[in-house]
PDB file of N, CA and C in Angstrom:
ATOM      1  N   MET A   1     132.605 -89.173 -36.801  1.00  0.00           N
ATOM      2  CA  MET A   1     132.659 -87.443 -37.292  1.00  0.00           C
ATOM      3  C   MET A   1     133.685 -86.854 -36.749  1.00  0.00           C
ATOM      4  N   ASN A   2     134.179 -85.887 -37.479  1.00  0.00           N
ATOM      5  CA  ASN A   2     135.628 -84.855 -37.133  1.00  0.00           C
ATOM      6  C   ASN A   2     135.046 -83.880 -35.758  1.00  0.00           C
ATOM      7  N   PRO A   3     136.019 -83.690 -35.218  1.00  0.00           N
ATOM      8  CA  PRO A   3     135.995 -82.568 -34.123  1.00  0.00           C
ATOM      9  C   PRO A   3     135.634 -81.175 -34.815  1.00  0.00           C
ATOM     10  N   PHE A   4     134.708 -80.573 -34.202  1.00  0.00           N
ATOM     11  CA  PHE A   4     134.622 -79.348 -34.469  1.00  0.00           C
ATOM     12  C   PHE A   4     134.530 -78.488 -33.702  1.00  0.00           C
ATOM     13  N   LEU A   5     135.106 -78.670 -32.430  1.00  0.00           N
ATOM     14  CA  LEU A   5     135.194 -77.583 -31.446  1.00  0.00           C
ATOM     15  C   LEU A   5     136.880 -77.455 -31.011  1.00  0.00           C
ATOM     16  N   SER A   6     136.925 -76.135 -31.125  1.00  0.00           N
ATOM     17  CA  SER A   6     138.558 -75.764 -30.582  1.00  0.00           C
ATOM     18  C   SER A   6     138.784 -76.456 -29.696  1.00  0.00           C
ATOM     19  N   GLU A   7     139.980 -76.837 -29.002  1.00  0.00           N
ATOM     20  CA  GLU A   7     140.417 -77.160 -27.785  1.00  0.00           C
ATOM     21  C   GLU A   7     140.315 -76.257 -26.681  1.00  0.00           C
ATOM     22  N   LYS A   8     139.962 -74.751 -26.756  1.00  0.00           N
ATOM     23  CA  LYS A   8     139.647 -73.658 -26.061  1.00  0.00           C
ATOM     24  C   LYS A   8     138.370 -73.891 -25.603  1.00  0.00           C
ATOM     25  N   THR A   9     137.288 -74.178 -26.787  1.00  0.00           N
ATOM     26  CA  THR A   9     135.876 -74.423 -26.515  1.00  0.00           C
ATOM     27  C   THR A   9     135.539 -75.542 -25.540  1.00  0.00           C
ATOM     28  N   ARG A  10     136.550 -76.704 -25.964  1.00  0.00           N
ATOM     29  CA  ARG A  10     136.053 -77.600 -25.196  1.00  0.00           C
ATOM     30  C   ARG A  10     136.280 -77.546 -23.955  1.00  0.00           C
ATOM     31  N   ILE A  11     137.358 -76.768 -23.381  1.00  0.00           N
ATOM     32  CA  ILE A  11     137.652 -76.575 -22.213  1.00  0.00           C
ATOM     33  C   ILE A  11     136.568 -75.834 -21.527  1.00  0.00           C
ATOM     34  N   GLU A  12     135.930 -74.686 -22.161  1.00  0.00           N
ATOM     35  CA  GLU A  12     134.903 -73.775 -21.563  1.00  0.00           C
ATOM     36  C   GLU A  12     133.850 -74.494 -21.521  1.00  0.00           C
ATOM     37  N   PHE A  13     133.482 -75.673 -22.560  1.00  0.00           N
ATOM     38  CA  PHE A  13     132.079 -76.232 -22.505  1.00  0.00           C
ATOM     39  C   PHE A  13     132.204 -77.021 -21.006  1.00  0.00           C
ATOM     40  N   LYS A  14     133.619 -77.789 -21.092  1.00  0.00           N
ATOM     41  CA  LYS A  14     133.782 -78.532 -19.759  1.00  0.00           C
ATOM     42  C   LYS A  14     133.236 -77.627 -18.475  1.00  0.00           C
ATOM     43  N   LYS A  15     133.787 -76.591 -18.546  1.00  0.00           N
ATOM     44  CA  LYS A  15     133.960 -75.759 -17.190  1.00  0.00           C
ATOM     45  C   LYS A  15     132.266 -75.678 -17.226  1.00  0.00           C
ATOM     46  N   ALA A  16     131.805 -75.166 -18.356  1.00  0.00           N
ATOM     47  CA  ALA A  16     130.048 -75.036 -18.138  1.00  0.00           C
ATOM     48  C   ALA A  16     129.610 -75.966 -17.700  1.00  0.00           C
ATOM     49  N   HIS A  17     129.645 -77.073 -18.413  1.00  0.00           N
ATOM     50  CA  HIS A  17     129.207 -78.038 -17.658  1.00  0.00           C
ATOM     51  C   HIS A  17     129.120 -78.702 -16.034  1.00  0.00           C
ATOM     52  N   LYS A  18     130.406 -78.215 -15.772  1.00  0.00           N
ATOM     53  CA  LYS A  18     130.313 -78.450 -14.158  1.00  0.00           C
ATOM     54  C   LYS A  18     129.736 -77.568 -13.104  1.00  0.00           C
ATOM     55  N   LYS A  19     129.389 -76.486 -14.029  1.00  0.00           N
ATOM     56  CA  LYS A  19     128.779 -75.128 -13.176  1.00  0.00           C
ATOM     57  C   LYS A  19     127.208 -75.338 -13.617  1.00  0.00           C
ATOM     58  N   GLU A  20     126.634 -76.167 -14.571  1.00  0.00           N
ATOM     59  CA  GLU A  20     125.415 -76.207 -14.859  1.00  0.00           C
ATOM     60  C   GLU A  20     124.249 -76.572 -13.995  1.00  0.00           C
ATOM     61  N   PRO A  21     123.470 -75.955 -13.414  1.00  0.00           N
ATOM     62  CA  PRO A  21     122.558 -76.534 -12.099  1.00  0.00           C
ATOM     63  C   PRO A  21     121.392 -77.361 -12.878  1.00  0.00           C
ATOM     64  N   HIS A  22     121.240 -76.873 -14.241  1.00  0.00           N
ATOM     65  CA  HIS A  22     119.851 -77.600 -14.867  1.00  0.00           C
ATOM     66  C   HIS A  22     120.427 -78.752 -15.919  1.00  0.00           C
ATOM     67  N   ARG A  23     119.643 -80.097 -15.194  1.00  0.00           N
ATOM     68  CA  ARG A  23     120.339 -81.018 -15.988  1.00  0.00           C
ATOM     69  C   ARG A  23     120.058 -81.343 -17.491  1.00  0.00           C
ATOM     70  N   ARG A  24     119.123 -80.529 -17.924  1.00  0.00           N
ATOM     71  CA  ARG A  24     118.642 -80.613 -19.294  1.00  0.00           C
ATOM     72  C   ARG A  24     119.973 -79.548 -20.289  1.00  0.00           C
ATOM     73  N   HIS A  25     120.346 -78.445 -19.652  1.00  0.00           N
ATOM     74  CA  HIS A  25     121.208 -78.060 -20.091  1.00  0.00           C
ATOM     75  C   HIS A  25     122.501 -78.695 -20.071  1.00  0.00           C
ATOM     76  N   ALA A  26     122.788 -79.302 -19.342  1.00  0.00           N
ATOM     77  CA  ALA A  26     123.957 -80.205 -18.771  1.00  0.00           C
ATOM     78  C   ALA A  26     124.289 -81.179 -20.069  1.00  0.00           C
ATOM     79  N   ASP A  27     122.882 -81.696 -20.357  1.00  0.00           N
ATOM     80  CA  ASP A  27     122.869 -83.160 -21.166  1.00  0.00           C
ATOM     81  C   ASP A  27     122.859 -82.673 -22.654  1.00  0.00           C
ATOM     82  N   ARG A  28     122.496 -81.150 -22.980  1.00  0.00           N
ATOM     83  CA  ARG A  28     122.671 -80.586 -24.196  1.00  0.00           C
ATOM     84  C   ARG A  28     124.572 -80.356 -24.461  1.00  0.00           C
ATOM     85  N   ILE A  29     124.974 -79.812 -23.136  1.00  0.00           N
ATOM     86  CA  ILE A  29     126.414 -79.320 -23.285  1.00  0.00           C
ATOM     87  C   ILE A  29     127.220 -81.065 -23.397  1.00  0.00           C
ATOM     88  N   LYS A  30     126.681 -82.139 -23.016  1.00  0.00           N
ATOM     89  CA  LYS A  30     127.604 -83.127 -23.078  1.00  0.00           C
ATOM     90  C   LYS A  30     127.074 -83.958 -24.276  1.00  0.00           C
ATOM     91  N   ALA A  31     126.128 -83.426 -24.798  1.00  0.00           N
ATOM     92  CA  ALA A  31     126.020 -83.913 -26.356  1.00  0.00           C
ATOM     93  C   ALA A  31     126.497 -83.340 -27.532  1.00  0.00           C
ATOM     94  N   ILE A  32     127.055 -82.162 -27.053  1.00  0.00           N
ATOM     95  CA  ILE A  32     128.069 -81.573 -27.697  1.00  0.00           C
ATOM     96  C   ILE A  32     129.394 -81.986 -27.868  1.00  0.00           C
ATOM     97  N   LEU A  33     129.854 -82.258 -26.636  1.00  0.00           N
ATOM     98  CA  LEU A  33     130.953 -82.778 -26.224  1.00  0.00           C
ATOM     99  C   LEU A  33     131.285 -84.402 -26.782  1.00  0.00           C
ATOM    100  N   LEU A  34     130.363 -84.873 -26.602  1.00  0.00           N
ATOM    101  CA  LEU A  34     130.165 -86.364 -26.841  1.00  0.00           C
ATOM    102  C   LEU A  34     130.549 -86.627 -28.370  1.00  0.00           C
ATOM    103  N   LEU A  35     129.673 -85.682 -29.464  1.00  0.00           N
ATOM    104  CA  LEU A  35     129.701 -85.400 -30.788  1.00  0.00           C
ATOM    105  C   LEU A  35     130.860 -85.610 -31.323  1.00  0.00           C
ATOM    106  N   ASP A  36     131.696 -84.283 -30.490  1.00  0.00           N
ATOM    107  CA  ASP A  36     132.792 -83.650 -30.714  1.00  0.00           C
ATOM    108  C   ASP A  36     133.961 -84.917 -30.848  1.00  0.00           C
ATOM    109  N   SER A  37     133.750 -85.517 -29.984  1.00  0.00           N
ATOM    110  CA  SER A  37     134.828 -86.580 -29.242  1.00  0.00           C
ATOM    111  C   SER A  37     134.461 -87.575 -30.285  1.00  0.00           C
ATOM    112  N   GLY A  38     133.706 -87.823 -31.419  1.00  0.00           N
ATOM    113  CA  GLY A  38     133.409 -88.655 -32.345  1.00  0.00           C
ATOM    114  C   GLY A  38     132.510 -90.000 -32.232  1.00  0.00           C
ATOM    115  N   TRP A  39     131.434 -89.580 -30.953  1.00  0.00           N
ATOM    116  CA  TRP A  39     130.515 -90.486 -30.618  1.00  0.00           C
ATOM    117  C   TRP A  39     129.257 -90.314 -32.036  1.00  0.00           C
ATOM    118  N   SER A  40     128.618 -91.385 -32.199  1.00  0.00           N
ATOM    119  CA  SER A  40     127.575 -91.164 -33.027  1.00  0.00           C
ATOM    120  C   SER A  40     126.445 -90.486 -32.426  1.00  0.00           C
ATOM    121  N   TYR A  41     125.372 -90.048 -33.217  1.00  0.00           N
ATOM    122  CA  TYR A  41     124.189 -89.966 -32.866  1.00  0.00           C
ATOM    123  C   TYR A  41     123.233 -90.932 -31.932  1.00  0.00           C
ATOM    124  N   GLU A  42     123.369 -91.995 -32.582  1.00  0.00           N
ATOM    125  CA  GLU A  42     122.905 -93.167 -31.931  1.00  0.00           C
ATOM    126  C   GLU A  42     123.561 -93.351 -30.235  1.00  0.00           C
ATOM    127  N   GLU A  43     124.718 -93.194 -30.426  1.00  0.00           N
ATOM    128  CA  GLU A  43     125.751 -93.322 -28.892  1.00  0.00           C
ATOM    129  C   GLU A  43     125.329 -92.596 -28.124  1.00  0.00           C
ATOM    130  N   VAL A  44     125.220 -91.376 -28.382  1.00  0.00           N
ATOM    131  CA  VAL A  44     124.953 -90.021 -27.624  1.00  0.00           C
ATOM    132  C   VAL A  44     123.645 -89.956 -27.043  1.00  0.00           C
ATOM    133  N   ALA A  45     122.669 -90.592 -27.751  1.00  0.00           N
ATOM    134  CA  ALA A  45     121.133 -90.645 -27.645  1.00  0.00           C
ATOM    135  C   ALA A  45     121.177 -91.436 -26.279  1.00  0.00           C
ATOM    136  N   GLU A  46     121.862 -92.932 -26.681  1.00  0.00           N
ATOM    137  CA  GLU A  46     121.732 -94.111 -25.926  1.00  0.00           C
ATOM    138  C   GLU A  46     122.162 -93.668 -24.433  1.00  0.00           C
ATOM    139  N   ALA A  47     123.559 -93.255 -24.552  1.00  0.00           N
ATOM    140  CA  ALA A  47     124.279 -92.578 -22.743  1.00  0.00           C
ATOM    141  C   ALA A  47     123.318 -91.701 -22.115  1.00  0.00           C
ATOM    142  N   LEU A  48     122.799 -90.561 -23.096  1.00  0.00           N
ATOM    143  CA  LEU A  48     121.828 -89.913 -22.332  1.00  0.00           C
ATOM    144  C   LEU A  48     120.265 -89.947 -22.108  1.00  0.00           C
ATOM    145  N   LEU A  49     119.978 -91.053 -22.553  1.00  0.00           N
ATOM    146  CA  LEU A  49     118.300 -91.657 -22.623  1.00  0.00           C
ATOM    147  C   LEU A  49     117.458 -90.812 -23.349  1.00  0.00           C
ATOM    148  N   LEU A  50     118.275 -90.395 -24.695  1.00  0.00           N
ATOM    149  CA  LEU A  50     117.427 -89.522 -25.439  1.00  0.00           C
ATOM    150  C   LEU A  50     117.078 -89.926 -26.790  1.00  0.00           C
ATOM    151  N   ASP A  51     116.453 -89.288 -27.774  1.00  0.00           N
ATOM    152  CA  ASP A  51     116.227 -90.320 -29.126  1.00  0.00           C
ATOM    153  C   ASP A  51     117.699 -89.513 -30.109  1.00  0.00           C
ATOM    154  N   ASP A  52     118.046 -90.026 -30.980  1.00  0.00           N
ATOM    155  CA  ASP A  52     118.890 -89.520 -31.905  1.00  0.00           C
ATOM    156  C   ASP A  52     118.720 -88.210 -32.494  1.00  0.00           C
ATOM    157  N   GLN A  53     117.343 -88.086 -32.743  1.00  0.00           N
ATOM    158  CA  GLN A  53     116.652 -86.654 -33.555  1.00  0.00           C
ATOM    159  C   GLN A  53     116.835 -85.403 -32.492  1.00  0.00           C
ATOM    160  N   THR A  54     116.576 -85.914 -31.421  1.00  0.00           N
ATOM    161  CA  THR A  54     116.988 -84.768 -30.642  1.00  0.00           C
ATOM    162  C   THR A  54     118.515 -84.262 -30.339  1.00  0.00           C
ATOM    163  N   ILE A  55     119.173 -85.476 -30.509  1.00  0.00           N
ATOM    164  CA  ILE A  55     120.817 -85.081 -30.438  1.00  0.00           C
ATOM    165  C   ILE A  55     121.013 -84.215 -31.651  1.00  0.00           C
ATOM    166  N   ARG A  56     120.496 -84.599 -32.717  1.00  0.00           N
ATOM    167  CA  ARG A  56     120.542 -83.834 -34.123  1.00  0.00           C
ATOM    168  C   ARG A  56     120.175 -82.414 -34.139  1.00  0.00           C
ATOM    169  N   ASN A  57     119.188 -82.310 -33.526  1.00  0.00           N
ATOM    170  CA  ASN A  57     118.456 -81.057 -32.787  1.00  0.00           C
ATOM    171  C   ASN A  57     119.784 -80.195 -32.392  1.00  0.00           C
ATOM    172  N   TYR A  58     119.914 -80.743 -31.050  1.00  0.00           N
ATOM    173  CA  TYR A  58     120.948 -80.057 -30.343  1.00  0.00           C
ATOM    174  C   TYR A  58     122.404 -79.327 -31.356  1.00  0.00           C
ATOM    175  N   GLU A  59     122.849 -80.443 -32.041  1.00  0.00           N
ATOM    176  CA  GLU A  59     123.851 -80.354 -32.630  1.00  0.00           C
ATOM    177  C   GLU A  59     123.652 -79.058 -33.824  1.00  0.00           C
ATOM    178  N   LYS A  60     122.604 -78.993 -34.058  1.00  0.00           N
ATOM    179  CA  LYS A  60     121.992 -78.115 -35.104  1.00  0.00           C
ATOM    180  C   LYS A  60     121.565 -76.781 -34.722  1.00  0.00           C
ATOM    181  N   LEU A  61     121.230 -76.705 -33.378  1.00  0.00           N
ATOM    182  CA  LEU A  61     121.048 -75.320 -32.692  1.00  0.00           C
ATOM    183  C   LEU A  61     122.280 -74.917 -32.200  1.00  0.00           C
ATOM    184  N   TYR A  62     123.403 -75.525 -31.722  1.00  0.00           N
ATOM    185  CA  TYR A  62     124.598 -75.278 -31.278  1.00  0.00           C
ATOM    186  C   TYR A  62     125.305 -74.623 -32.863  1.00  0.00           C
ATOM    187  N   LYS A  63     125.263 -75.394 -33.934  1.00  0.00           N
ATOM    188  CA  LYS A  63     125.904 -75.010 -34.859  1.00  0.00           C
ATOM    189  C   LYS A  63     125.288 -73.638 -35.394  1.00  0.00           C
ATOM    190  N   ASP A  64     124.108 -73.485 -35.636  1.00  0.00           N
ATOM    191  CA  ASP A  64     123.163 -72.386 -35.634  1.00  0.00           C
ATOM    192  C   ASP A  64     123.508 -71.159 -35.063  1.00  0.00           C
ATOM    193  N   LYS A  65     123.273 -71.388 -33.525  1.00  0.00           N
ATOM    194  CA  LYS A  65     123.130 -70.159 -32.865  1.00  0.00           C
ATOM    195  C   LYS A  65     124.159 -70.069 -31.633  1.00  0.00           C
ATOM    196  N   GLY A  66     125.018 -71.242 -31.800  1.00  0.00           N
ATOM    197  CA  GLY A  66     125.699 -70.983 -30.719  1.00  0.00           C
ATOM    198  C   GLY A  66     125.674 -71.828 -29.165  1.00  0.00           C
ATOM    199  N   PHE A  67     126.930 -71.289 -28.357  1.00  0.00           N
ATOM    200  CA  PHE A  67     126.742 -71.899 -26.763  1.00  0.00           C
ATOM    201  C   PHE A  67     125.175 -71.485 -26.268  1.00  0.00           C
ATOM    202  N   ASP A  68     124.917 -70.126 -26.573  1.00  0.00           N
ATOM    203  CA  ASP A  68     123.857 -69.297 -25.660  1.00  0.00           C
ATOM    204  C   ASP A  68     122.478 -69.705 -26.525  1.00  0.00           C
ATOM    205  N   GLY A  69     122.505 -70.124 -27.717  1.00  0.00           N
ATOM    206  CA  GLY A  69     121.374 -70.644 -28.290  1.00  0.00           C
ATOM    207  C   GLY A  69     121.189 -72.419 -28.148  1.00  0.00           C
ATOM    208  N   LEU A  70     122.328 -72.913 -27.681  1.00  0.00           N
ATOM    209  CA  LEU A  70     121.731 -73.963 -27.399  1.00  0.00           C
ATOM    210  C   LEU A  70     121.284 -74.385 -26.029  1.00  0.00           C
ATOM    211  N   LEU A  71     121.672 -73.718 -24.934  1.00  0.00           N
ATOM    212  CA  LEU A  71     120.992 -73.502 -23.701  1.00  0.00           C
ATOM    213  C   LEU A  71     119.344 -72.413 -23.563  1.00  0.00           C
ATOM    214  N   SER A  72     119.411 -72.035 -24.762  1.00  0.00           N
ATOM    215  CA  SER A  72     117.942 -71.100 -24.863  1.00  0.00           C
ATOM    216  C   SER A  72     116.885 -72.299 -24.537  1.00  0.00           C
ATOM    217  N   ASP A  73     116.133 -71.778 -23.868  1.00  0.00           N
ATOM    218  CA  ASP A  73     114.334 -72.465 -23.942  1.00  0.00           C
ATOM    219  C   ASP A  73     113.641 -71.695 -24.484  1.00  0.00           C
ATOM    220  N   ASN A  74     112.733 -71.981 -25.338  1.00  0.00           N
ATOM    221  CA  ASN A  74     112.146 -70.983 -25.841  1.00  0.00           C
ATOM    222  C   ASN A  74     110.517 -71.778 -25.744  1.00  0.00           C
ATOM    223  N   TYR A  75     110.535 -72.734 -24.696  1.00  0.00           N
ATOM    224  CA  TYR A  75     109.000 -73.194 -24.065  1.00  0.00           C
ATOM    225  C   TYR A  75     108.136 -71.691 -23.714  1.00  0.00           C
ATOM    226  N   VAL A  76     106.915 -72.159 -24.479  1.00  0.00           N
ATOM    227  CA  VAL A  76     106.206 -71.213 -24.121  1.00  0.00           C
ATOM    228  C   VAL A  76     104.739 -71.499 -23.457  1.00  0.00           C
ATOM    229  N   GLY A  77     104.293 -72.940 -23.557  1.00  0.00           N
ATOM    230  CA  GLY A  77     103.289 -73.311 -22.626  1.00  0.00           C
ATOM    231  C   GLY A  77     102.074 -73.145 -23.451  1.00  0.00           C
ATOM    232  N   CYS A  78     100.869 -73.482 -22.425  1.00  0.00           N
ATOM    233  CA  CYS A  78      99.595 -73.333 -23.438  1.00  0.00           C
ATOM    234  C   CYS A  78      98.724 -72.451 -22.683  1.00  0.00           C
ATOM    235  N   MET A  79      97.474 -72.339 -23.253  1.00  0.00           N
ATOM    236  CA  MET A  79      96.388 -71.495 -22.342  1.00  0.00           C
ATOM    237  C   MET A  79      95.863 -72.475 -21.088  1.00  0.00           C
ATOM    238  N   PRO A  80      95.758 -71.717 -20.106  1.00  0.00           N
ATOM    239  CA  PRO A  80      95.171 -72.288 -19.015  1.00  0.00           C
ATOM    240  C   PRO A  80      93.753 -73.062 -19.122  1.00  0.00           C
ATOM    241  N   LYS A  81      93.413 -74.285 -18.465  1.00  0.00           N
ATOM    242  CA  LYS A  81      92.094 -74.430 -18.922  1.00  0.00           C
ATOM    243  C   LYS A  81      90.965 -74.396 -17.706  1.00  0.00           C
ATOM    244  N   LEU A  82      91.778 -73.585 -16.746  1.00  0.00           N
ATOM    245  CA  LEU A  82      90.548 -73.100 -15.804  1.00  0.00           C
ATOM    246  C   LEU A  82      90.780 -71.566 -15.842  1.00  0.00           C
ATOM    247  N   THR A  83      89.383 -71.073 -15.573  1.00  0.00           N
ATOM    248  CA  THR A  83      89.373 -69.616 -15.642  1.00  0.00           C
ATOM    249  C   THR A  83      89.699 -69.033 -14.212  1.00  0.00           C
ATOM    250  N   CYS A  84      90.096 -67.983 -14.482  1.00  0.00           N
ATOM    251  CA  CYS A  84      90.731 -67.125 -12.930  1.00  0.00           C
ATOM    252  C   CYS A  84      89.942 -67.426 -11.921  1.00  0.00           C
ATOM    253  N   GLU A  85      88.427 -67.444 -11.971  1.00  0.00           N
ATOM    254  CA  GLU A  85      87.492 -67.802 -10.797  1.00  0.00           C
ATOM    255  C   GLU A  85      87.700 -69.367 -10.566  1.00  0.00           C
ATOM    256  N   GLN A  86      87.946 -69.916 -11.174  1.00  0.00           N
ATOM    257  CA  GLN A  86      88.258 -71.300 -10.875  1.00  0.00           C
ATOM    258  C   GLN A  86      89.717 -71.506 -10.368  1.00  0.00           C
ATOM    259  N   GLU A  87      90.507 -70.829 -10.923  1.00  0.00           N
ATOM    260  CA  GLU A  87      91.966 -70.768 -10.147  1.00  0.00           C
ATOM    261  C   GLU A  87      92.137 -70.422  -8.933  1.00  0.00           C
ATOM    262  N   GLU A  88      91.165 -69.299  -8.452  1.00  0.00           N
ATOM    263  CA  GLU A  88      91.494 -68.507  -7.155  1.00  0.00           C
ATOM    264  C   GLU A  88      90.556 -69.477  -6.062  1.00  0.00           C
ATOM    265  N   GLN A  89      89.463 -69.925  -6.800  1.00  0.00           N
ATOM    266  CA  GLN A  89      88.927 -70.769  -5.891  1.00  0.00           C
ATOM    267  C   GLN A  89      89.764 -72.136  -5.446  1.00  0.00           C
ATOM    268  N   LEU A  90      90.516 -72.674  -6.545  1.00  0.00           N
ATOM    269  CA  LEU A  90      91.402 -73.858  -5.975  1.00  0.00           C
ATOM    270  C   LEU A  90      92.591 -73.512  -4.941  1.00  0.00           C
ATOM    271  N   LYS A  91      93.023 -72.307  -5.488  1.00  0.00           N
ATOM    272  CA  LYS A  91      94.150 -71.880  -4.085  1.00  0.00           C
ATOM    273  C   LYS A  91      93.694 -71.426  -2.973  1.00  0.00           C
ATOM    274  N   ASP A  92      92.151 -70.886  -3.115  1.00  0.00           N
ATOM    275  CA  ASP A  92      91.623 -70.909  -1.160  1.00  0.00           C
ATOM    276  C   ASP A  92      91.194 -72.119  -0.861  1.00  0.00           C
ATOM    277  N   HIS A  93      91.330 -73.353  -1.528  1.00  0.00           N
ATOM    278  CA  HIS A  93      90.325 -74.591  -1.284  1.00  0.00           C
ATOM    279  C   HIS A  93      91.911 -75.268  -0.850  1.00  0.00           C
ATOM    280  N   ILE A  94      92.940 -75.072  -1.346  1.00  0.00           N
ATOM    281  CA  ILE A  94      94.423 -75.643  -0.849  1.00  0.00           C
ATOM    282  C   ILE A  94      94.452 -75.071   0.331  1.00  0.00           C
ATOM    283  N   ARG A  95      94.680 -73.542   0.139  1.00  0.00           N
ATOM    284  CA  ARG A  95      95.274 -72.791   1.453  1.00  0.00           C
ATOM    285  C   ARG A  95      94.712 -73.568   2.596  1.00  0.00           C
ATOM    286  N   LYS A  96      92.891 -73.892   2.526  1.00  0.00           N
ATOM    287  CA  LYS A  96      92.145 -74.153   3.870  1.00  0.00           C
ATOM    288  C   LYS A  96      92.409 -75.648   4.092  1.00  0.00           C
ATOM    289  N   ASN A  97      92.644 -76.666   3.049  1.00  0.00           N
ATOM    290  CA  ASN A  97      93.108 -77.946   3.172  1.00  0.00           C
ATOM    291  C   ASN A  97      94.218 -78.849   3.160  1.00  0.00           C
ATOM    292  N   ASN A  98      94.556 -79.202   3.764  1.00  0.00           N
ATOM    293  CA  ASN A  98      96.039 -79.877   3.825  1.00  0.00           C
ATOM    294  C   ASN A  98      96.067 -81.535   3.693  1.00  0.00           C
ATOM    295  N   TYR A  99      96.912 -81.798   2.286  1.00  0.00           N
ATOM    296  CA  TYR A  99      96.299 -82.985   1.578  1.00  0.00           C
ATOM    297  C   TYR A  99      98.008 -83.775   2.171  1.00  0.00           C
ATOM    298  N   SER A 100      97.798 -85.062   2.702  1.00  0.00           N
ATOM    299  CA  SER A 100      99.158 -85.414   3.072  1.00  0.00           C
ATOM    300  C   SER A 100      99.591 -86.546   1.700  1.00  0.00           C
ATOM    301  N   ALA A 101      98.587 -86.895   0.847  1.00  0.00           N
ATOM    302  CA  ALA A 101      99.006 -87.583  -0.326  1.00  0.00           C
ATOM    303  C   ALA A 101      97.614 -87.447  -1.220  1.00  0.00           C
ATOM    304  N   ALA A 102      98.308 -87.597  -2.712  1.00  0.00           N
ATOM    305  CA  ALA A 102      97.294 -87.659  -3.788  1.00  0.00           C
ATOM    306  C   ALA A 102      96.446 -88.436  -3.998  1.00  0.00           C
ATOM    307  N   LYS A 103      96.753 -89.722  -3.329  1.00  0.00           N
ATOM    308  CA  LYS A 103      95.671 -91.260  -3.624  1.00  0.00           C
ATOM    309  C   LYS A 103      94.916 -91.428  -2.052  1.00  0.00           C
ATOM    310  N   ARG A 104      93.466 -91.442  -2.011  1.00  0.00           N
ATOM    311  CA  ARG A 104      93.230 -91.801  -0.991  1.00  0.00           C
ATOM    312  C   ARG A 104      93.431 -93.420  -0.788  1.00  0.00           C
ATOM    313  N   ASN A 105      93.407 -93.460   0.540  1.00  0.00           N
ATOM    314  CA  ASN A 105      93.359 -94.699   1.587  1.00  0.00           C
ATOM    315  C   ASN A 105      92.070 -95.449   1.883  1.00  0.00           C
ATOM    316  N   CYS A 106      91.828 -96.069   1.163  1.00  0.00           N
ATOM    317  CA  CYS A 106      90.022 -96.618   1.320  1.00  0.00           C
ATOM    318  C   CYS A 106      90.508 -97.888   2.013  1.00  0.00           C
TER     319      CYS A 106
END
């Protein structure tokens, strides 16, 4: 694969990577840098412990939406399974009880 980042952009990516507190975002930056260095999707995926389709998605995201798009998280989540009343009961229970482990020692 031919390099697609300018030297200035590569330097900016490396600086951003050093400052990035979120591992997920740092991995996305590394993926783009490695692809630009000529690594294959499979090699980048293996190095970052991801699948190659994820790496392809990162590249497409960067090419379509730029750096900010690459680091955007659009996760919305799902509807809660507890009712509001059940959530309040759970919060109250946790405030009143202190558990040192999730598993009982029987």
